[in-house]
Amino acid sequence: LPANAPTFCSKYMQRHGIKEYYNLKYNPKDTNFYGSIGLPGGADKEYVCIGVKASNYFMPEETLSKFGPGGGGWILMDTTLAVKTREGKAWSTDEQGYARIYAIGDCNYGCVDGP
């Protein structure tokens, strides 16, 4: 990535109301944890995507590969990391047709279909 990528991403997230927290241990059982990130009542929904196993159980089957390492089940994405369906269509788009759901984390280029 370019050297200015972290700054670009932080500015983008700030403009869109996405908060960043660093050097903070994820500890949902600690009553002070959620308060320290501005959620004193806790989170409405959490997606935990850490570790060595793909955490894709929450994704619809149409967005997962049929084949691949471990028997498939990899989140399909395009070259912008937008999640797509097996038919190659962007999954979850806005009223203008722009993708709104992107893959993050340990994304694998092998999950991007060739042209």
Foldseek 3Di string as FASTA:
>chain_A
DDPCVVVVVVVVCVVVVHDDDPPQDDDQVDQCRCVVVPRNVDDPDDQDQDDDDGRQPPPDPQQWACADPPRTGHGAAEPVQFGDGPVGQGDPADPVRHGDDGDDDPDDPVSHDDD
